[in-house]
Protein backbone atom coordinates (compact mmCIF):
# COMPACT_ATOMS: atom_id res chain seq x y z
CA MET A 1 8.16 4.47 -2.35
CA GLY A 2 9.81 7.17 -0.29
CA ASP A 3 7.23 6.77 2.47
CA LEU A 4 7.87 3.03 2.60
CA ILE A 5 11.65 3.47 2.56
CA ILE A 6 11.48 5.81 5.52
CA ALA A 7 8.75 4.02 7.50
CA PHE A 8 10.35 0.57 7.28
CA GLU A 9 14.01 1.37 6.60
CA LEU A 10 13.84 -0.33 3.20
CA THR A 11 16.10 -0.09 0.20
CA PRO A 12 14.63 1.27 -3.03
CA VAL A 13 14.60 -2.31 -4.39
CA GLN A 14 12.55 -3.52 -1.43
CA ALA A 15 10.10 -0.61 -1.64
CA ALA A 16 9.72 -1.16 -5.39
CA ALA A 17 8.78 -4.78 -4.67
CA ILE A 18 5.86 -3.57 -2.56
CA VAL A 19 4.80 -0.99 -5.14
CA GLY A 20 5.01 -3.60 -7.90
CA ASN A 21 2.63 -5.87 -6.06
CA LEU A 22 0.21 -3.09 -5.21
CA GLY A 23 0.32 -1.77 -8.78
CA THR A 24 -0.83 -5.13 -10.04
CA GLU A 25 -3.52 -5.52 -7.40
CA SER A 26 -4.99 -2.06 -8.01
CA ALA A 27 -4.73 -1.84 -11.82
CA ASN A 28 -1.80 0.57 -11.53
CA PHE A 29 -3.37 2.42 -8.59
CA THR A 30 -6.57 3.22 -10.50
CA ALA A 31 -8.97 0.65 -8.98
CA TYR A 32 -9.88 1.03 -5.33
CA HIS A 33 -12.60 -1.59 -5.67
CA GLU A 34 -12.12 -4.84 -7.54
CA ARG A 35 -13.58 -4.44 -11.02
CA GLY A 36 -16.64 -6.51 -11.81
CA GLN A 37 -17.55 -7.05 -8.14
CA ALA A 38 -20.62 -5.85 -6.28
CA GLU A 39 -19.99 -3.09 -3.73
CA ASN A 40 -20.06 -5.52 -0.81
CA LYS A 41 -17.84 -8.10 -2.54
CA GLY A 42 -14.31 -8.34 -3.88
CA GLY A 43 -11.10 -6.57 -3.01
CA TYR A 44 -10.72 -2.98 -1.88
CA GLY A 45 -7.85 -0.50 -1.63
CA TRP A 46 -4.34 -0.65 -3.10
CA ALA A 47 -3.84 -4.21 -1.84
CA GLN A 48 -7.36 -5.26 -2.85
CA TRP A 49 -8.01 -6.45 0.70
CA THR A 50 -10.70 -9.14 0.78
CA GLY A 51 -12.72 -11.01 3.39
CA PRO A 52 -11.69 -10.27 6.98
CA ARG A 53 -8.86 -7.99 5.81
CA ARG A 54 -11.36 -5.91 3.85
CA LYS A 55 -13.52 -5.54 6.96
CA THR A 56 -10.57 -4.46 9.09
CA PHE A 57 -9.41 -2.07 6.35
CA PHE A 58 -12.86 -0.44 6.33
CA ALA A 59 -12.95 -0.24 10.13
CA TRP A 60 -9.44 1.25 10.22
CA ALA A 61 -10.24 3.85 7.54
CA ASP A 62 -13.51 4.78 9.24
CA ALA A 63 -11.82 5.10 12.64
CA HIS A 64 -9.24 7.43 11.10
CA HIS A 65 -11.93 9.45 9.26
CA LEU A 66 -10.47 8.58 5.85
CA GLN A 67 -12.34 7.92 2.64
CA ARG A 68 -12.02 4.22 1.91
CA ASP A 69 -11.09 4.95 -1.70
CA SER A 70 -8.27 7.36 -0.88
CA GLU A 71 -4.49 7.13 -1.09
CA ALA A 72 -4.32 8.11 2.58
CA ALA A 73 -6.49 5.15 3.61
CA SER A 74 -4.60 2.62 1.49
CA LEU A 75 -1.15 3.84 2.54
CA GLY A 76 -2.16 4.19 6.17
CA TYR A 77 -3.67 0.74 6.40
CA LEU A 78 -0.77 -0.80 4.48
CA GLU A 79 1.65 0.69 7.01
CA HIS A 80 -0.63 -0.47 9.86
CA GLU A 81 -0.64 -4.07 8.61
CA LEU A 82 3.11 -4.04 7.95
CA ASN A 83 3.71 -2.83 11.49
CA THR A 84 1.34 -5.36 13.07
CA SER A 85 -0.28 -8.50 11.65
CA TYR A 86 1.91 -8.59 8.51
CA ARG A 87 5.22 -7.60 10.10
CA ARG A 88 6.55 -10.90 8.77
CA SER A 89 6.25 -9.47 5.26
CA ILE A 90 8.77 -6.75 6.11
CA ILE A 91 11.06 -9.32 7.69
CA ALA A 92 10.89 -11.51 4.56
CA LEU A 93 11.38 -8.50 2.31
CA LYS A 94 14.44 -7.24 4.18
CA LYS A 95 16.20 -10.53 3.44
CA GLN A 96 16.10 -9.72 -0.27
CA SER A 97 18.36 -7.45 -2.30
CA ASP A 98 17.31 -8.65 -5.76
CA LEU A 99 14.19 -7.03 -7.22
CA THR A 100 12.75 -10.25 -8.65
CA LYS A 101 13.20 -12.14 -5.37
CA ALA A 102 11.94 -9.22 -3.30
CA THR A 103 8.80 -8.88 -5.42
CA HIS A 104 8.13 -12.61 -5.15
CA ALA A 105 8.75 -12.64 -1.39
CA PHE A 106 6.27 -9.82 -0.81
CA MET A 107 3.71 -11.45 -3.08
CA ILE A 108 3.88 -14.68 -1.07
CA SER A 109 4.07 -13.17 2.42
CA PHE A 110 1.60 -10.29 2.04
CA GLU A 111 -0.70 -10.74 -0.94
CA GLY A 112 -1.07 -14.52 -1.23
CA PRO A 113 -2.93 -14.08 -4.52
CA GLY A 114 -5.21 -16.73 -5.98
CA ILE A 115 -3.88 -15.84 -9.44
CA PRO A 116 -0.26 -14.73 -8.98
CA ASN A 117 0.14 -12.82 -12.29
CA GLU A 118 3.78 -12.60 -11.25
CA ALA A 119 5.06 -11.26 -14.58
CA ASP A 120 2.87 -8.18 -14.13
CA ARG A 121 4.05 -7.71 -10.53
CA GLN A 122 7.67 -7.92 -11.66
CA ASN A 123 7.02 -5.43 -14.46
CA HIS A 124 5.34 -2.96 -12.10
CA ALA A 125 8.27 -3.32 -9.69
CA ARG A 126 10.81 -2.59 -12.45
CA ILE A 127 8.83 0.49 -13.50
CA ALA A 128 8.57 1.71 -9.90
CA LEU A 129 12.30 1.30 -9.30
CA ALA A 130 13.22 3.01 -12.58
CA GLU A 131 10.93 5.94 -11.83
CA TYR A 132 12.21 6.25 -8.27
CA SER A 133 15.81 6.16 -9.54
CA ARG A 134 14.99 8.81 -12.16
CA LEU A 135 13.47 11.12 -9.54
CA ASN A 136 16.13 10.38 -6.91
CA PRO A 137 19.42 10.04 -8.82
CA ALA A 138 21.49 10.21 -5.63
CA GLY A 139 19.32 7.57 -3.93
CA SER A 140 17.84 10.09 -1.51
CA HIS A 141 14.36 9.72 -0.07
């Protein structure tokens, strides 16, 4: 969350909304490849990028000499997308100060999931914010 707060000038609530979505997509950051899918199918990375986004994620990771199933690749490509083709997601997110609304806004503008599983996203976001607050009691990055 700290990286996102700094990179995009987000509040902890806004960063937790991103982490909540990614936590749901990646089975709490344990699945780099969508479970039950063949190697050349399904989602990949923290955001479980699929289709054309999966291909550009792979190309980006390869160009930066990063293992596709690494934190560095997922965070790096996430930041790349949020600075370029998905900049609108940051704009939508920055309009929100409520965790529930921020998590929903990021889900719609960035993930666009076929199965929203929004309750899980909201739960992951609450956990992320609580943990960040516990580790940063003064709100520092």
